[in-house]
Amino acid sequence: MVVLTAPLIYFIKPRLPIPADHKATRNKRIDFRFLEQPIFWFMEIGNVIQGIGYFIPAVFLPTFAQFIGLSEVAGSSTLSLLNAATVVGGYDDINVILHASSGSMLSMFLIWGTSTSIAPLYVFSILYGVFGGGFSNCWATMVTNVQSKDLRLSGLAFGLFAAGRGIGSIASGPLTTALLRGGKDWDAGAAYGMGYGLLIVFTGVTALFGAFPGGEERAEALLMQTSGIRSYRKCKEHINDDDGPLLTGMK
C-alpha cells in the first residue's frame, strides 16, 4: 500500500489557497473563546451521546439475525444494506438532523424491536442507514456555527467533534455488554423479548440525542438565557467582534 500511494503525495495540493498574511495568522494567538459558548457544548454533548449508540446496530445486526435462525449470509447482508444506505443518507445540513434522528429512533423501536424474520431486518438496515448515516457529515456545518473565520480553530472544533464521536464509540463497548445482560429478563414480544430489548431501547434513545445539534430553537433559548441578551440577533452581533465570529452560520 505504501509503495502504491507514496508517489501520489507529489500531486497533493491544499484544498484552500494560502492567504497572503499566513505568517501573521500563524503567529496570532489562538482564541479559544468558542469553548465558552453553550452552543458548542450543546452540540458536543449530543454528538457524544449519539456516538455511544451509533455503531451498535452495525455490530449486533448479524448476531441477531443468526440468533433468530437466519443464515450467516443473511446476517452479513443486513450489514451490507446498512452500509450501502449510509451513502444515500449522506446529508450535510444541520437542520435535517432533527428529522434524521427521529427517523433513526423510530426505525429502531418500530422495526428492529418487532423483527422476527429477515424482511423487517432488511427494512430496518436501509432506514437506519439513510437516517443515521450522514450525522458526521454535519460536523463541518456545526463548526461554522461556533467558529468560521480562523481556519486553525475550525480544524480544532472539527477534531473535538470527531473526538466526541470516538469517546462515545469506546464507551458503548462495556455498556452494550451490561445492556445484553439486563435484557435477558425482559418479558416482551419479538426482538424485545429475545435479550435485545434493553439494547434496542438504549440505542433508540441515544439516536434521539443526535437531534441536539439541530435543535436551533432550543440552542437559541439557552444562549439567550445564559448570556442575558434579549435578542438572538443582537447576541450574534455582540459576539461577532473584530477578533473573529464565533456564531456565524446560524440563522
C-alpha atoms as a PDB file:
ATOM      1  CA  MET A   1       0.000   0.000   0.000  1.00  0.00           C
ATOM      2  CA  VAL A   2       2.833   2.420   0.854  1.00  0.00           C
ATOM      3  CA  VAL A   3       4.540   1.686  -2.464  1.00  0.00           C
ATOM      4  CA  LEU A   4       1.349   2.398  -4.394  1.00  0.00           C
ATOM      5  CA  THR A   5       0.290   5.548  -2.578  1.00  0.00           C
ATOM      6  CA  ALA A   6       3.623   7.233  -1.744  1.00  0.00           C
ATOM      7  CA  PRO A   7       4.205   8.550  -5.321  1.00  0.00           C
ATOM      8  CA  LEU A   8       0.817  10.288  -5.182  1.00  0.00           C
ATOM      9  CA  ILE A   9       1.995  12.602  -2.391  1.00  0.00           C
ATOM     10  CA  TYR A  10       3.676  14.747  -5.051  1.00  0.00           C
ATOM     11  CA  PHE A  11       0.272  15.586  -6.574  1.00  0.00           C
ATOM     12  CA  ILE A  12      -1.423  16.548  -3.299  1.00  0.00           C
ATOM     13  CA  LYS A  13      -2.426  20.202  -3.188  1.00  0.00           C
ATOM     14  CA  PRO A  14      -4.057  22.215  -0.382  1.00  0.00           C
ATOM     15  CA  ARG A  15      -7.829  22.499  -0.642  1.00  0.00           C
ATOM     16  CA  LEU A  16      -7.756  26.207   0.201  1.00  0.00           C
ATOM     17  CA  PRO A  17      -5.372  28.869  -1.142  1.00  0.00           C
ATOM     18  CA  ILE A  18      -2.691  30.039   1.258  1.00  0.00           C
ATOM     19  CA  PRO A  19      -3.651  33.555   2.427  1.00  0.00           C
ATOM     20  CA  ALA A  20      -1.219  36.393   1.829  1.00  0.00           C
ATOM     21  CA  ASP A  21      -0.999  37.112   5.570  1.00  0.00           C
ATOM     22  CA  HIS A  22      -0.500  33.462   6.557  1.00  0.00           C
ATOM     23  CA  LYS A  23       2.641  34.286   8.556  1.00  0.00           C
ATOM     24  CA  ALA A  24       0.774  36.854  10.645  1.00  0.00           C
ATOM     25  CA  THR A  25      -2.107  34.397  11.110  1.00  0.00           C
ATOM     26  CA  ARG A  26       0.296  31.666  12.171  1.00  0.00           C
ATOM     27  CA  ASN A  27       1.838  33.917  14.823  1.00  0.00           C
ATOM     28  CA  LYS A  28      -1.526  35.209  16.032  1.00  0.00           C
ATOM     29  CA  ARG A  29      -2.666  33.923  19.398  1.00  0.00           C
ATOM     30  CA  ILE A  30      -5.365  31.277  19.166  1.00  0.00           C
ATOM     31  CA  ASP A  31      -8.693  32.404  20.594  1.00  0.00           C
ATOM     32  CA  PHE A  32     -10.397  29.592  22.464  1.00  0.00           C
ATOM     33  CA  ARG A  33     -13.492  31.586  23.429  1.00  0.00           C
ATOM     34  CA  PHE A  34     -15.716  29.317  21.366  1.00  0.00           C
ATOM     35  CA  LEU A  35     -15.224  26.722  24.131  1.00  0.00           C
ATOM     36  CA  GLU A  36     -17.069  29.068  26.478  1.00  0.00           C
ATOM     37  CA  GLN A  37     -20.161  29.126  24.290  1.00  0.00           C
ATOM     38  CA  PRO A  38     -23.114  26.967  25.465  1.00  0.00           C
ATOM     39  CA  ILE A  39     -23.986  26.229  21.828  1.00  0.00           C
ATOM     40  CA  PHE A  40     -20.702  24.333  21.375  1.00  0.00           C
ATOM     41  CA  TRP A  41     -21.238  22.092  24.379  1.00  0.00           C
ATOM     42  CA  PHE A  42     -24.886  21.674  23.462  1.00  0.00           C
ATOM     43  CA  MET A  43     -23.789  20.176  20.151  1.00  0.00           C
ATOM     44  CA  GLU A  44     -20.849  18.245  21.589  1.00  0.00           C
ATOM     45  CA  ILE A  45     -22.922  16.515  24.273  1.00  0.00           C
ATOM     46  CA  GLY A  46     -25.475  15.435  21.673  1.00  0.00           C
ATOM     47  CA  ASN A  47     -22.637  14.266  19.454  1.00  0.00           C
ATOM     48  CA  VAL A  48     -21.080  12.122  22.223  1.00  0.00           C
ATOM     49  CA  ILE A  49     -24.370  10.543  23.293  1.00  0.00           C
ATOM     50  CA  GLN A  50     -25.332   9.813  19.689  1.00  0.00           C
ATOM     51  CA  GLY A  51     -21.910   8.231  19.180  1.00  0.00           C
ATOM     52  CA  ILE A  52     -22.497   5.808  22.064  1.00  0.00           C
ATOM     53  CA  GLY A  53     -25.302   4.057  20.240  1.00  0.00           C
ATOM     54  CA  TYR A  54     -24.461   4.793  16.608  1.00  0.00           C
ATOM     55  CA  PHE A  55     -22.367   1.680  15.937  1.00  0.00           C
ATOM     56  CA  ILE A  56     -24.498  -0.771  17.940  1.00  0.00           C
ATOM     57  CA  PRO A  57     -26.750  -1.878  15.023  1.00  0.00           C
ATOM     58  CA  ALA A  58     -23.730  -2.473  12.771  1.00  0.00           C
ATOM     59  CA  VAL A  59     -22.150  -4.652  15.457  1.00  0.00           C
ATOM     60  CA  PHE A  60     -25.185  -6.662  16.554  1.00  0.00           C
ATOM     61  CA  LEU A  61     -27.373  -6.993  13.452  1.00  0.00           C
ATOM     62  CA  PRO A  62     -25.519 -10.058  12.056  1.00  0.00           C
ATOM     63  CA  THR A  63     -25.509 -11.678  15.505  1.00  0.00           C
ATOM     64  CA  PHE A  64     -29.209 -11.004  15.999  1.00  0.00           C
ATOM     65  CA  ALA A  65     -30.013 -12.411  12.551  1.00  0.00           C
ATOM     66  CA  GLN A  66     -28.299 -15.690  13.409  1.00  0.00           C
ATOM     67  CA  PHE A  67     -29.982 -15.683  16.824  1.00  0.00           C
ATOM     68  CA  ILE A  68     -33.438 -15.787  15.206  1.00  0.00           C
ATOM     69  CA  GLY A  69     -32.372 -18.683  12.978  1.00  0.00           C
ATOM     70  CA  LEU A  70     -31.170 -16.925   9.823  1.00  0.00           C
ATOM     71  CA  SER A  71     -28.062 -17.930   7.932  1.00  0.00           C
ATOM     72  CA  GLU A  72     -24.699 -16.246   8.288  1.00  0.00           C
ATOM     73  CA  VAL A  73     -25.053 -14.866   4.758  1.00  0.00           C
ATOM     74  CA  ALA A  74     -28.406 -13.305   5.625  1.00  0.00           C
ATOM     75  CA  GLY A  75     -26.916 -11.719   8.721  1.00  0.00           C
ATOM     76  CA  SER A  76     -24.000 -10.271   6.780  1.00  0.00           C
ATOM     77  CA  SER A  77     -26.331  -8.949   4.091  1.00  0.00           C
ATOM     78  CA  THR A  78     -28.126  -6.768   6.663  1.00  0.00           C
ATOM     79  CA  LEU A  79     -24.818  -5.069   7.393  1.00  0.00           C
ATOM     80  CA  SER A  80     -24.129  -4.631   3.688  1.00  0.00           C
ATOM     81  CA  LEU A  81     -27.507  -2.961   3.204  1.00  0.00           C
ATOM     82  CA  LEU A  82     -26.908  -0.664   6.154  1.00  0.00           C
ATOM     83  CA  ASN A  83     -23.535   0.459   4.816  1.00  0.00           C
ATOM     84  CA  ALA A  84     -24.939   0.984   1.320  1.00  0.00           C
ATOM     85  CA  ALA A  85     -27.821   3.042   2.686  1.00  0.00           C
ATOM     86  CA  THR A  86     -25.438   5.397   4.502  1.00  0.00           C
ATOM     87  CA  VAL A  87     -24.330   6.642   1.074  1.00  0.00           C
ATOM     88  CA  VAL A  88     -27.912   7.658   0.307  1.00  0.00           C
ATOM     89  CA  GLY A  89     -28.230   9.243   3.728  1.00  0.00           C
ATOM     90  CA  GLY A  90     -25.190  11.465   3.324  1.00  0.00           C
ATOM     91  CA  TYR A  91     -26.984  14.675   4.321  1.00  0.00           C
ATOM     92  CA  ASP A  92     -24.862  17.626   5.434  1.00  0.00           C
ATOM     93  CA  ASP A  93     -27.494  20.136   6.570  1.00  0.00           C
ATOM     94  CA  ILE A  94     -27.632  20.566  10.329  1.00  0.00           C
ATOM     95  CA  ASN A  95     -31.326  21.433  10.104  1.00  0.00           C
ATOM     96  CA  VAL A  96     -32.011  17.887   8.865  1.00  0.00           C
ATOM     97  CA  ILE A  97     -30.535  16.287  11.977  1.00  0.00           C
ATOM     98  CA  LEU A  98     -33.745  16.618  13.997  1.00  0.00           C
ATOM     99  CA  HIS A  99     -35.753  14.679  11.414  1.00  0.00           C
ATOM    100  CA  ALA A 100     -32.979  12.168  10.745  1.00  0.00           C
ATOM    101  CA  SER A 101     -32.519  11.430  14.452  1.00  0.00           C
ATOM    102  CA  SER A 102     -36.253  10.939  14.882  1.00  0.00           C
ATOM    103  CA  GLY A 103     -36.276   8.573  11.908  1.00  0.00           C
ATOM    104  CA  SER A 104     -33.386   6.581  13.371  1.00  0.00           C
ATOM    105  CA  MET A 105     -35.176   6.247  16.693  1.00  0.00           C
ATOM    106  CA  LEU A 106     -38.495   5.211  15.160  1.00  0.00           C
ATOM    107  CA  SER A 107     -36.872   2.626  12.898  1.00  0.00           C
ATOM    108  CA  MET A 108     -35.157   1.196  15.968  1.00  0.00           C
ATOM    109  CA  PHE A 109     -38.298   0.983  18.101  1.00  0.00           C
ATOM    110  CA  LEU A 110     -40.879   0.050  15.474  1.00  0.00           C
ATOM    111  CA  ILE A 111     -38.917  -2.183  13.101  1.00  0.00           C
ATOM    112  CA  TRP A 112     -35.879  -3.784  14.731  1.00  0.00           C
ATOM    113  CA  GLY A 113     -37.729  -4.138  18.023  1.00  0.00           C
ATOM    114  CA  THR A 114     -40.543  -6.068  16.328  1.00  0.00           C
ATOM    115  CA  SER A 115     -38.415  -8.098  13.904  1.00  0.00           C
ATOM    116  CA  THR A 116     -38.551 -11.901  13.873  1.00  0.00           C
ATOM    117  CA  SER A 117     -37.623 -12.517  10.217  1.00  0.00           C
ATOM    118  CA  ILE A 118     -35.243 -11.281   7.551  1.00  0.00           C
ATOM    119  CA  ALA A 119     -37.633  -8.907   5.712  1.00  0.00           C
ATOM    120  CA  PRO A 120     -38.096  -6.353   8.528  1.00  0.00           C
ATOM    121  CA  LEU A 121     -34.372  -6.547   9.293  1.00  0.00           C
ATOM    122  CA  TYR A 122     -33.650  -5.536   5.712  1.00  0.00           C
ATOM    123  CA  VAL A 123     -36.089  -2.645   6.003  1.00  0.00           C
ATOM    124  CA  PHE A 124     -34.507  -1.544   9.259  1.00  0.00           C
ATOM    125  CA  SER A 125     -30.987  -1.714   7.798  1.00  0.00           C
ATOM    126  CA  ILE A 126     -31.985   0.558   4.921  1.00  0.00           C
ATOM    127  CA  LEU A 127     -33.874   3.075   7.060  1.00  0.00           C
ATOM    128  CA  TYR A 128     -31.229   3.265   9.758  1.00  0.00           C
ATOM    129  CA  GLY A 129     -28.517   3.744   7.168  1.00  0.00           C
ATOM    130  CA  VAL A 130     -30.463   6.514   5.429  1.00  0.00           C
ATOM    131  CA  PHE A 131     -31.453   8.393   8.578  1.00  0.00           C
ATOM    132  CA  GLY A 132     -28.323   7.885  10.662  1.00  0.00           C
ATOM    133  CA  GLY A 133     -25.605   7.669   8.049  1.00  0.00           C
ATOM    134  CA  GLY A 134     -24.969  11.353   7.460  1.00  0.00           C
ATOM    135  CA  PHE A 135     -24.612  12.632  11.017  1.00  0.00           C
ATOM    136  CA  SER A 136     -20.846  13.120  10.874  1.00  0.00           C
ATOM    137  CA  ASN A 137     -21.242  14.994   7.571  1.00  0.00           C
ATOM    138  CA  CYS A 138     -22.835  17.785   9.575  1.00  0.00           C
ATOM    139  CA  TRP A 139     -19.720  18.399  11.656  1.00  0.00           C
ATOM    140  CA  ALA A 140     -18.493  20.961   9.134  1.00  0.00           C
ATOM    141  CA  THR A 141     -21.739  22.911   9.465  1.00  0.00           C
ATOM    142  CA  MET A 142     -21.616  22.551  13.241  1.00  0.00           C
ATOM    143  CA  VAL A 143     -18.109  24.043  13.143  1.00  0.00           C
ATOM    144  CA  THR A 144     -19.332  27.120  11.259  1.00  0.00           C
ATOM    145  CA  ASN A 145     -21.986  27.575  13.933  1.00  0.00           C
ATOM    146  CA  VAL A 146     -19.305  28.136  16.564  1.00  0.00           C
ATOM    147  CA  GLN A 147     -16.298  29.410  14.602  1.00  0.00           C
ATOM    148  CA  SER A 148     -15.709  30.013  10.910  1.00  0.00           C
ATOM    149  CA  LYS A 149     -13.081  32.729  10.422  1.00  0.00           C
ATOM    150  CA  ASP A 150      -9.891  31.245  11.883  1.00  0.00           C
ATOM    151  CA  LEU A 151      -9.106  28.062   9.976  1.00  0.00           C
ATOM    152  CA  ARG A 152      -6.973  26.822  12.854  1.00  0.00           C
ATOM    153  CA  LEU A 153      -9.936  26.955  15.205  1.00  0.00           C
ATOM    154  CA  SER A 154     -12.192  25.389  12.583  1.00  0.00           C
ATOM    155  CA  GLY A 155      -9.860  22.404  12.431  1.00  0.00           C
ATOM    156  CA  LEU A 156      -9.733  22.255  16.228  1.00  0.00           C
ATOM    157  CA  ALA A 157     -13.509  22.328  16.574  1.00  0.00           C
ATOM    158  CA  PHE A 158     -13.886  19.622  13.918  1.00  0.00           C
ATOM    159  CA  GLY A 159     -11.341  17.499  15.770  1.00  0.00           C
ATOM    160  CA  LEU A 160     -13.248  17.926  19.028  1.00  0.00           C
ATOM    161  CA  PHE A 161     -16.448  16.702  17.381  1.00  0.00           C
ATOM    162  CA  ALA A 162     -14.586  13.711  15.954  1.00  0.00           C
ATOM    163  CA  ALA A 163     -13.066  13.008  19.373  1.00  0.00           C
ATOM    164  CA  GLY A 164     -16.529  13.172  20.915  1.00  0.00           C
ATOM    165  CA  ARG A 165     -17.758  10.517  18.495  1.00  0.00           C
ATOM    166  CA  GLY A 166     -14.719   8.407  19.409  1.00  0.00           C
ATOM    167  CA  ILE A 167     -15.415   8.736  23.133  1.00  0.00           C
ATOM    168  CA  GLY A 168     -18.983   7.612  22.550  1.00  0.00           C
ATOM    169  CA  SER A 169     -17.988   4.590  20.483  1.00  0.00           C
ATOM    170  CA  ILE A 170     -15.444   3.469  23.100  1.00  0.00           C
ATOM    171  CA  ALA A 171     -17.966   3.847  25.909  1.00  0.00           C
ATOM    172  CA  SER A 172     -20.517   1.761  24.021  1.00  0.00           C
ATOM    173  CA  GLY A 173     -18.416  -1.409  24.416  1.00  0.00           C
ATOM    174  CA  PRO A 174     -18.879  -2.040  28.145  1.00  0.00           C
ATOM    175  CA  LEU A 175     -22.360  -0.518  28.056  1.00  0.00           C
ATOM    176  CA  THR A 176     -23.638  -2.972  25.443  1.00  0.00           C
ATOM    177  CA  THR A 177     -22.374  -5.908  27.487  1.00  0.00           C
ATOM    178  CA  ALA A 178     -24.332  -4.692  30.505  1.00  0.00           C
ATOM    179  CA  LEU A 179     -27.408  -3.991  28.381  1.00  0.00           C
ATOM    180  CA  LEU A 180     -27.447  -7.500  26.934  1.00  0.00           C
ATOM    181  CA  ARG A 181     -27.235  -8.983  30.401  1.00  0.00           C
ATOM    182  CA  GLY A 182     -30.011  -6.748  31.679  1.00  0.00           C
ATOM    183  CA  GLY A 183     -32.272  -7.502  28.700  1.00  0.00           C
ATOM    184  CA  LYS A 184     -32.391 -11.248  29.321  1.00  0.00           C
ATOM    185  CA  ASP A 185     -35.174 -10.869  31.891  1.00  0.00           C
ATOM    186  CA  TRP A 186     -37.443  -8.734  29.718  1.00  0.00           C
ATOM    187  CA  ASP A 187     -40.928 -10.177  29.295  1.00  0.00           C
ATOM    188  CA  ALA A 188     -41.889  -8.863  25.880  1.00  0.00           C
ATOM    189  CA  GLY A 189     -42.600  -9.984  22.343  1.00  0.00           C
ATOM    190  CA  ALA A 190     -40.450 -10.113  19.193  1.00  0.00           C
ATOM    191  CA  ALA A 191     -36.892  -8.822  19.473  1.00  0.00           C
ATOM    192  CA  TYR A 192     -37.671  -7.038  22.728  1.00  0.00           C
ATOM    193  CA  GLY A 193     -38.100 -10.384  24.467  1.00  0.00           C
ATOM    194  CA  MET A 194     -35.060 -12.101  22.961  1.00  0.00           C
ATOM    195  CA  GLY A 195     -32.487 -10.459  25.188  1.00  0.00           C
ATOM    196  CA  TYR A 196     -32.010  -7.480  22.873  1.00  0.00           C
ATOM    197  CA  GLY A 197     -34.835  -5.314  24.213  1.00  0.00           C
ATOM    198  CA  LEU A 198     -32.808  -3.110  26.532  1.00  0.00           C
ATOM    199  CA  LEU A 199     -30.121  -2.733  23.872  1.00  0.00           C
ATOM    200  CA  ILE A 200     -32.657  -1.636  21.259  1.00  0.00           C
ATOM    201  CA  VAL A 201     -34.310   0.886  23.575  1.00  0.00           C
ATOM    202  CA  PHE A 202     -30.959   2.325  24.631  1.00  0.00           C
ATOM    203  CA  THR A 203     -29.812   2.678  21.011  1.00  0.00           C
ATOM    204  CA  GLY A 204     -33.053   4.403  20.043  1.00  0.00           C
ATOM    205  CA  VAL A 205     -32.755   6.888  22.888  1.00  0.00           C
ATOM    206  CA  THR A 206     -29.142   7.744  22.008  1.00  0.00           C
ATOM    207  CA  ALA A 207     -30.187   8.248  18.387  1.00  0.00           C
ATOM    208  CA  LEU A 208     -32.720  10.827  19.521  1.00  0.00           C
ATOM    209  CA  PHE A 209     -29.991  12.725  21.366  1.00  0.00           C
ATOM    210  CA  GLY A 210     -28.376  13.250  17.974  1.00  0.00           C
ATOM    211  CA  ALA A 211     -31.114  15.839  17.383  1.00  0.00           C
ATOM    212  CA  PHE A 212     -29.420  18.189  19.866  1.00  0.00           C
ATOM    213  CA  PRO A 213     -27.178  19.882  17.264  1.00  0.00           C
ATOM    214  CA  GLY A 214     -30.211  20.516  15.066  1.00  0.00           C
ATOM    215  CA  GLY A 215     -32.307  21.951  17.862  1.00  0.00           C
ATOM    216  CA  GLU A 216     -31.546  25.543  16.932  1.00  0.00           C
ATOM    217  CA  GLU A 217     -34.583  26.921  18.708  1.00  0.00           C
ATOM    218  CA  ARG A 218     -33.552  25.224  21.943  1.00  0.00           C
ATOM    219  CA  ALA A 219     -29.986  26.432  21.469  1.00  0.00           C
ATOM    220  CA  GLU A 220     -31.259  29.941  20.847  1.00  0.00           C
ATOM    221  CA  ALA A 221     -33.299  29.929  24.053  1.00  0.00           C
ATOM    222  CA  LEU A 222     -30.380  28.526  26.033  1.00  0.00           C
ATOM    223  CA  LEU A 223     -27.971  31.085  24.607  1.00  0.00           C
ATOM    224  CA  MET A 224     -30.261  33.999  25.353  1.00  0.00           C
ATOM    225  CA  GLN A 225     -30.871  32.773  28.883  1.00  0.00           C
ATOM    226  CA  THR A 226     -27.199  32.354  29.735  1.00  0.00           C
ATOM    227  CA  SER A 227     -25.956  35.498  28.004  1.00  0.00           C
ATOM    228  CA  GLY A 228     -28.602  37.887  29.334  1.00  0.00           C
ATOM    229  CA  ILE A 229     -29.108  39.338  25.857  1.00  0.00           C
ATOM    230  CA  ARG A 230     -32.756  39.531  24.806  1.00  0.00           C
ATOM    231  CA  SER A 231     -32.344  39.457  21.062  1.00  0.00           C
ATOM    232  CA  TYR A 232     -30.580  36.491  19.475  1.00  0.00           C
ATOM    233  CA  ARG A 233     -29.541  38.644  16.534  1.00  0.00           C
ATOM    234  CA  LYS A 234     -28.125  41.177  18.956  1.00  0.00           C
ATOM    235  CA  CYS A 235     -26.290  38.342  20.709  1.00  0.00           C
ATOM    236  CA  LYS A 236     -24.648  37.381  17.423  1.00  0.00           C
ATOM    237  CA  GLU A 237     -23.564  40.972  16.868  1.00  0.00           C
ATOM    238  CA  HIS A 238     -22.254  41.138  20.425  1.00  0.00           C
ATOM    239  CA  ILE A 239     -20.043  38.080  19.994  1.00  0.00           C
ATOM    240  CA  ASN A 240     -19.077  38.712  16.362  1.00  0.00           C
ATOM    241  CA  ASP A 241     -16.342  41.242  17.093  1.00  0.00           C
ATOM    242  CA  ASP A 242     -13.087  42.061  15.324  1.00  0.00           C
ATOM    243  CA  ASP A 243     -11.290  39.008  16.735  1.00  0.00           C
ATOM    244  CA  GLY A 244     -13.439  36.673  14.646  1.00  0.00           C
ATOM    245  CA  PRO A 245     -17.043  35.446  14.582  1.00  0.00           C
ATOM    246  CA  LEU A 246     -17.967  32.679  16.958  1.00  0.00           C
ATOM    247  CA  LEU A 247     -21.509  32.052  15.870  1.00  0.00           C
ATOM    248  CA  THR A 248     -21.521  32.797  12.152  1.00  0.00           C
ATOM    249  CA  GLY A 249     -23.531  30.405  10.092  1.00  0.00           C
ATOM    250  CA  MET A 250     -26.566  30.237  12.384  1.00  0.00           C
ATOM    251  CA  LYS A 251     -29.838  31.652  11.202  1.00  0.00           C
END
